[in-house]
Amino acid sequence: MKVVKTSVQGCLILEPQVFADERGHFFESFSLQRFRNATGVLDNFVQDNHSYSHANVLRGLHYQIEQAQGKLVRVVSGKVWDVAVDLRRSSPTFAQWFGVELSAENRRMLWVPPGCAHGFVVTGEHAVFLYKTTDYYAPAHERTIVWDDPSLAITWPVATPIVNAKDAAGASFKQSPSFK
């Protein structure tokens, strides 16, 4: 597995080793031992999530202010533009964001550390999105930062995304609670 550091501290792109031949391909999508050895991340994963979204659907920017979740995310069908926003005041990259294309074709994964908000927009016809989390979903602690907050100036590749009411009503970055 190849690990690529990003512009947000602790946020990592993971590229699996793919074995391909005339029959198709094989790759190990997750091994706790290899993940820990390659990244130095020792968190345990406690929940797997699966979402399906149509073209231009934007989900996010989500995080939990308590029971903060680290997320290991990947796309198994389709493609998305995936974004992490650093909400850790003690981080040298606080208030910065990073975006990367994740697709079934490039097989990349993104590690989004606890203390970051996360969101994605579907840039193909659809996307099947899988992610592992380091803590359980806790609706009472979930927070949403509005996807188009001008102070973050995220460059989304979809001009008019489809957003649900909860995400459209997200708080501004400046109004959102952050982490130490």
C-alpha atoms as a PDB file:
ATOM      1  CA  MET A   1       0.000   0.000   0.000  1.00  0.00           C
ATOM      2  CA  LYS A   2       1.274   3.427  -0.951  1.00  0.00           C
ATOM      3  CA  VAL A   3       0.536   6.263   1.494  1.00  0.00           C
ATOM      4  CA  VAL A   4       0.430   9.862   0.246  1.00  0.00           C
ATOM      5  CA  LYS A   5       0.357  12.780   2.703  1.00  0.00           C
ATOM      6  CA  THR A   6      -2.084  15.572   1.911  1.00  0.00           C
ATOM      7  CA  SER A   7      -2.174  19.280   2.713  1.00  0.00           C
ATOM      8  CA  VAL A   8      -4.338  18.590   5.818  1.00  0.00           C
ATOM      9  CA  GLN A   9      -2.319  17.239   8.730  1.00  0.00           C
ATOM     10  CA  GLY A  10      -3.008  13.534   9.289  1.00  0.00           C
ATOM     11  CA  CYS A  11      -5.265  13.188   6.260  1.00  0.00           C
ATOM     12  CA  LEU A  12      -3.819  10.474   3.997  1.00  0.00           C
ATOM     13  CA  ILE A  13      -4.480   9.018   0.558  1.00  0.00           C
ATOM     14  CA  LEU A  14      -4.026   5.245   0.447  1.00  0.00           C
ATOM     15  CA  GLU A  15      -3.363   3.497  -2.837  1.00  0.00           C
ATOM     16  CA  PRO A  16      -3.582  -0.311  -2.680  1.00  0.00           C
ATOM     17  CA  GLN A  17      -1.284  -2.624  -4.573  1.00  0.00           C
ATOM     18  CA  VAL A  18      -3.336  -4.094  -7.429  1.00  0.00           C
ATOM     19  CA  PHE A  19      -2.543  -7.445  -9.023  1.00  0.00           C
ATOM     20  CA  ALA A  20      -3.956  -7.514 -12.544  1.00  0.00           C
ATOM     21  CA  ASP A  21      -3.806  -9.975 -15.411  1.00  0.00           C
ATOM     22  CA  GLU A  22      -5.953 -11.062 -18.351  1.00  0.00           C
ATOM     23  CA  ARG A  23      -8.642 -12.358 -15.943  1.00  0.00           C
ATOM     24  CA  GLY A  24      -9.141  -9.079 -14.103  1.00  0.00           C
ATOM     25  CA  HIS A  25      -7.593  -7.825 -10.885  1.00  0.00           C
ATOM     26  CA  PHE A  26      -7.292  -8.421  -7.149  1.00  0.00           C
ATOM     27  CA  PHE A  27      -6.350  -6.134  -4.287  1.00  0.00           C
ATOM     28  CA  GLU A  28      -6.574  -6.190  -0.541  1.00  0.00           C
ATOM     29  CA  SER A  29      -9.055  -3.460   0.305  1.00  0.00           C
ATOM     30  CA  PHE A  30      -8.305  -3.482   4.025  1.00  0.00           C
ATOM     31  CA  SER A  31      -5.941  -5.146   6.469  1.00  0.00           C
ATOM     32  CA  LEU A  32      -5.745  -3.664   9.955  1.00  0.00           C
ATOM     33  CA  GLN A  33      -2.116  -4.713  10.316  1.00  0.00           C
ATOM     34  CA  ARG A  34      -1.049  -3.236   6.964  1.00  0.00           C
ATOM     35  CA  PHE A  35      -3.103  -0.067   7.595  1.00  0.00           C
ATOM     36  CA  ARG A  36      -1.456   0.481  10.982  1.00  0.00           C
ATOM     37  CA  ASN A  37       2.042  -0.275   9.692  1.00  0.00           C
ATOM     38  CA  ALA A  38       1.664   2.011   6.657  1.00  0.00           C
ATOM     39  CA  THR A  39      -0.049   4.951   8.363  1.00  0.00           C
ATOM     40  CA  GLY A  40       0.859   4.801  12.046  1.00  0.00           C
ATOM     41  CA  VAL A  41      -2.855   5.186  12.830  1.00  0.00           C
ATOM     42  CA  LEU A  42      -3.722   2.896  15.751  1.00  0.00           C
ATOM     43  CA  ASP A  43      -7.456   3.641  15.985  1.00  0.00           C
ATOM     44  CA  ASN A  44      -9.894   0.732  15.868  1.00  0.00           C
ATOM     45  CA  PHE A  45     -12.755   0.657  13.393  1.00  0.00           C
ATOM     46  CA  VAL A  46     -16.142  -0.091  14.959  1.00  0.00           C
ATOM     47  CA  GLN A  47     -18.664   0.563  12.186  1.00  0.00           C
ATOM     48  CA  ASP A  48     -18.871   0.180   8.405  1.00  0.00           C
ATOM     49  CA  ASN A  49     -21.225   2.407   6.388  1.00  0.00           C
ATOM     50  CA  HIS A  50     -22.462   2.127   2.817  1.00  0.00           C
ATOM     51  CA  SER A  51     -24.167   4.849   0.798  1.00  0.00           C
ATOM     52  CA  TYR A  52     -25.488   5.095  -2.722  1.00  0.00           C
ATOM     53  CA  SER A  53     -25.947   8.485  -4.359  1.00  0.00           C
ATOM     54  CA  HIS A  54     -27.024   9.764  -7.765  1.00  0.00           C
ATOM     55  CA  ALA A  55     -25.124  12.202  -9.974  1.00  0.00           C
ATOM     56  CA  ASN A  56     -24.479  15.650  -8.442  1.00  0.00           C
ATOM     57  CA  VAL A  57     -25.559  14.636  -4.917  1.00  0.00           C
ATOM     58  CA  LEU A  58     -23.472  16.370  -2.257  1.00  0.00           C
ATOM     59  CA  ARG A  59     -23.338  14.971   1.276  1.00  0.00           C
ATOM     60  CA  GLY A  60     -21.637  16.946   4.037  1.00  0.00           C
ATOM     61  CA  LEU A  61     -19.795  18.560   5.582  1.00  0.00           C
ATOM     62  CA  HIS A  62     -20.392  16.266   8.574  1.00  0.00           C
ATOM     63  CA  TYR A  63     -18.617  15.556  11.847  1.00  0.00           C
ATOM     64  CA  GLN A  64     -19.373  14.617  15.447  1.00  0.00           C
ATOM     65  CA  ILE A  65     -18.287  17.096  18.114  1.00  0.00           C
ATOM     66  CA  GLU A  66     -18.223  14.291  20.700  1.00  0.00           C
ATOM     67  CA  GLN A  67     -17.404  10.719  19.769  1.00  0.00           C
ATOM     68  CA  ALA A  68     -15.325  12.177  16.942  1.00  0.00           C
ATOM     69  CA  GLN A  69     -14.990   9.715  14.090  1.00  0.00           C
ATOM     70  CA  GLY A  70     -11.962   8.932  12.009  1.00  0.00           C
ATOM     71  CA  LYS A  71     -13.126   7.686   8.607  1.00  0.00           C
ATOM     72  CA  LEU A  72     -11.473   5.459   6.036  1.00  0.00           C
ATOM     73  CA  VAL A  73     -13.477   6.107   2.869  1.00  0.00           C
ATOM     74  CA  ARG A  74     -13.547   4.600  -0.618  1.00  0.00           C
ATOM     75  CA  VAL A  75     -15.729   4.317  -3.705  1.00  0.00           C
ATOM     76  CA  VAL A  76     -16.535   0.867  -5.122  1.00  0.00           C
ATOM     77  CA  SER A  77     -18.688   2.044  -8.028  1.00  0.00           C
ATOM     78  CA  GLY A  78     -18.679   5.450  -9.720  1.00  0.00           C
ATOM     79  CA  LYS A  79     -16.680   8.480  -8.606  1.00  0.00           C
ATOM     80  CA  VAL A  80     -16.777  11.364  -6.136  1.00  0.00           C
ATOM     81  CA  TRP A  81     -14.866  14.475  -5.179  1.00  0.00           C
ATOM     82  CA  ASP A  82     -14.102  13.872  -1.504  1.00  0.00           C
ATOM     83  CA  VAL A  83     -13.278  16.686   0.946  1.00  0.00           C
ATOM     84  CA  ALA A  84     -11.861  16.865   4.471  1.00  0.00           C
ATOM     85  CA  VAL A  85     -11.812  20.098   6.521  1.00  0.00           C
ATOM     86  CA  ASP A  86      -9.498  20.407   9.532  1.00  0.00           C
ATOM     87  CA  LEU A  87     -11.442  21.514  12.638  1.00  0.00           C
ATOM     88  CA  ARG A  88      -8.601  20.960  15.144  1.00  0.00           C
ATOM     89  CA  ARG A  89      -7.529  24.358  16.541  1.00  0.00           C
ATOM     90  CA  SER A  90      -4.162  22.892  17.639  1.00  0.00           C
ATOM     91  CA  SER A  91      -3.399  21.673  14.108  1.00  0.00           C
ATOM     92  CA  PRO A  92      -1.129  23.701  11.823  1.00  0.00           C
ATOM     93  CA  THR A  93      -3.711  23.127   9.068  1.00  0.00           C
ATOM     94  CA  PHE A  94      -6.744  24.300  11.095  1.00  0.00           C
ATOM     95  CA  ALA A  95      -9.499  25.690   8.817  1.00  0.00           C
ATOM     96  CA  GLN A  96      -7.872  24.249   5.697  1.00  0.00           C
ATOM     97  CA  TRP A  97      -9.473  21.726   3.372  1.00  0.00           C
ATOM     98  CA  PHE A  98      -8.236  19.034   1.046  1.00  0.00           C
ATOM     99  CA  GLY A  99     -10.066  17.406  -1.865  1.00  0.00           C
ATOM    100  CA  VAL A 100      -9.343  14.332  -3.961  1.00  0.00           C
ATOM    101  CA  GLU A 101     -11.142  12.223  -6.542  1.00  0.00           C
ATOM    102  CA  LEU A 102     -12.016   8.762  -5.281  1.00  0.00           C
ATOM    103  CA  SER A 103     -13.327   6.278  -7.808  1.00  0.00           C
ATOM    104  CA  ALA A 104     -13.797   2.608  -8.501  1.00  0.00           C
ATOM    105  CA  GLU A 105     -11.226   3.068 -11.235  1.00  0.00           C
ATOM    106  CA  ASN A 106      -8.415   4.649  -9.174  1.00  0.00           C
ATOM    107  CA  ARG A 107      -9.212   2.526  -6.072  1.00  0.00           C
ATOM    108  CA  ARG A 108      -7.881   5.245  -3.764  1.00  0.00           C
ATOM    109  CA  MET A 109      -8.968   5.473  -0.146  1.00  0.00           C
ATOM    110  CA  LEU A 110      -8.846   8.537   2.066  1.00  0.00           C
ATOM    111  CA  TRP A 111      -8.116   8.504   5.796  1.00  0.00           C
ATOM    112  CA  VAL A 112      -9.984  11.412   7.409  1.00  0.00           C
ATOM    113  CA  PRO A 113      -8.730  11.731  10.997  1.00  0.00           C
ATOM    114  CA  PRO A 114     -10.978  12.491  13.976  1.00  0.00           C
ATOM    115  CA  GLY A 115     -11.442  16.242  14.284  1.00  0.00           C
ATOM    116  CA  CYS A 116     -12.091  16.799  10.584  1.00  0.00           C
ATOM    117  CA  ALA A 117     -15.381  17.440   8.818  1.00  0.00           C
ATOM    118  CA  HIS A 118     -16.057  15.282   5.769  1.00  0.00           C
ATOM    119  CA  GLY A 119     -18.170  15.550   2.645  1.00  0.00           C
ATOM    120  CA  PHE A 120     -18.321  14.445  -0.957  1.00  0.00           C
ATOM    121  CA  VAL A 121     -20.093  15.173  -4.219  1.00  0.00           C
ATOM    122  CA  VAL A 122     -20.849  12.578  -6.885  1.00  0.00           C
ATOM    123  CA  THR A 123     -19.101  13.505 -10.131  1.00  0.00           C
ATOM    124  CA  GLY A 124     -20.229  10.525 -12.199  1.00  0.00           C
ATOM    125  CA  GLU A 125     -23.635   8.969 -12.870  1.00  0.00           C
ATOM    126  CA  HIS A 126     -23.711   7.487  -9.369  1.00  0.00           C
ATOM    127  CA  ALA A 127     -21.442   6.426  -6.512  1.00  0.00           C
ATOM    128  CA  VAL A 128     -21.388   3.547  -4.077  1.00  0.00           C
ATOM    129  CA  PHE A 129     -19.401   4.873  -1.142  1.00  0.00           C
ATOM    130  CA  LEU A 130     -18.059   2.729   1.725  1.00  0.00           C
ATOM    131  CA  TYR A 131     -16.464   3.932   4.900  1.00  0.00           C
ATOM    132  CA  LYS A 132     -15.149   2.571   8.148  1.00  0.00           C
ATOM    133  CA  THR A 133     -15.469   4.717  11.275  1.00  0.00           C
ATOM    134  CA  THR A 134     -13.536   4.748  14.536  1.00  0.00           C
ATOM    135  CA  ASP A 135     -16.582   5.565  16.646  1.00  0.00           C
ATOM    136  CA  TYR A 136     -20.283   4.894  16.418  1.00  0.00           C
ATOM    137  CA  TYR A 137     -22.774   7.246  14.820  1.00  0.00           C
ATOM    138  CA  ALA A 138     -24.124   9.557  17.529  1.00  0.00           C
ATOM    139  CA  PRO A 139     -26.921  11.741  16.110  1.00  0.00           C
ATOM    140  CA  ALA A 140     -26.971  13.971  19.218  1.00  0.00           C
ATOM    141  CA  HIS A 141     -23.358  14.979  18.520  1.00  0.00           C
ATOM    142  CA  GLU A 142     -23.548  15.276  14.733  1.00  0.00           C
ATOM    143  CA  ARG A 143     -22.815  18.695  13.287  1.00  0.00           C
ATOM    144  CA  THR A 144     -22.973  20.018   9.732  1.00  0.00           C
ATOM    145  CA  ILE A 145     -21.028  22.861   8.204  1.00  0.00           C
ATOM    146  CA  VAL A 146     -22.745  24.285   5.148  1.00  0.00           C
ATOM    147  CA  TRP A 147     -21.048  22.945   2.038  1.00  0.00           C
ATOM    148  CA  ASP A 148     -20.598  26.318   0.333  1.00  0.00           C
ATOM    149  CA  ASP A 149     -19.288  28.332   3.280  1.00  0.00           C
ATOM    150  CA  PRO A 150     -17.419  31.303   1.731  1.00  0.00           C
ATOM    151  CA  SER A 151     -14.749  31.350   4.457  1.00  0.00           C
ATOM    152  CA  LEU A 152     -13.681  27.806   3.485  1.00  0.00           C
ATOM    153  CA  ALA A 153     -13.924  28.491  -0.277  1.00  0.00           C
ATOM    154  CA  ILE A 154     -14.021  24.804  -1.181  1.00  0.00           C
ATOM    155  CA  THR A 155     -13.698  24.248  -4.913  1.00  0.00           C
ATOM    156  CA  TRP A 156     -16.513  21.802  -5.605  1.00  0.00           C
ATOM    157  CA  PRO A 157     -16.522  20.450  -9.190  1.00  0.00           C
ATOM    158  CA  VAL A 158     -20.337  20.509  -9.411  1.00  0.00           C
ATOM    159  CA  ALA A 159     -21.849  23.989  -9.839  1.00  0.00           C
ATOM    160  CA  THR A 160     -25.352  23.162  -8.561  1.00  0.00           C
ATOM    161  CA  PRO A 161     -25.239  20.093  -6.344  1.00  0.00           C
ATOM    162  CA  ILE A 162     -28.279  18.282  -4.985  1.00  0.00           C
ATOM    163  CA  VAL A 163     -28.272  18.829  -1.221  1.00  0.00           C
ATOM    164  CA  ASN A 164     -30.788  17.640   1.378  1.00  0.00           C
ATOM    165  CA  ALA A 165     -32.474  20.078   3.806  1.00  0.00           C
ATOM    166  CA  LYS A 166     -30.167  19.210   6.721  1.00  0.00           C
ATOM    167  CA  ASP A 167     -27.010  19.882   4.732  1.00  0.00           C
ATOM    168  CA  ALA A 168     -28.437  23.047   3.148  1.00  0.00           C
ATOM    169  CA  ALA A 169     -29.180  24.366   6.663  1.00  0.00           C
ATOM    170  CA  GLY A 170     -25.664  23.630   7.967  1.00  0.00           C
ATOM    171  CA  ALA A 171     -23.930  26.212  10.126  1.00  0.00           C
ATOM    172  CA  SER A 172     -21.149  28.446   8.893  1.00  0.00           C
ATOM    173  CA  PHE A 173     -17.597  27.388   9.665  1.00  0.00           C
ATOM    174  CA  LYS A 174     -17.212  30.317  12.092  1.00  0.00           C
ATOM    175  CA  GLN A 175     -20.382  29.319  13.977  1.00  0.00           C
ATOM    176  CA  SER A 176     -19.444  25.626  14.157  1.00  0.00           C
ATOM    177  CA  PRO A 177     -17.829  24.094  17.226  1.00  0.00           C
ATOM    178  CA  SER A 178     -14.280  22.889  16.669  1.00  0.00           C
ATOM    179  CA  PHE A 179     -11.795  20.682  18.502  1.00  0.00           C
ATOM    180  CA  LYS A 180      -8.809  21.555  20.713  1.00  0.00           C
END
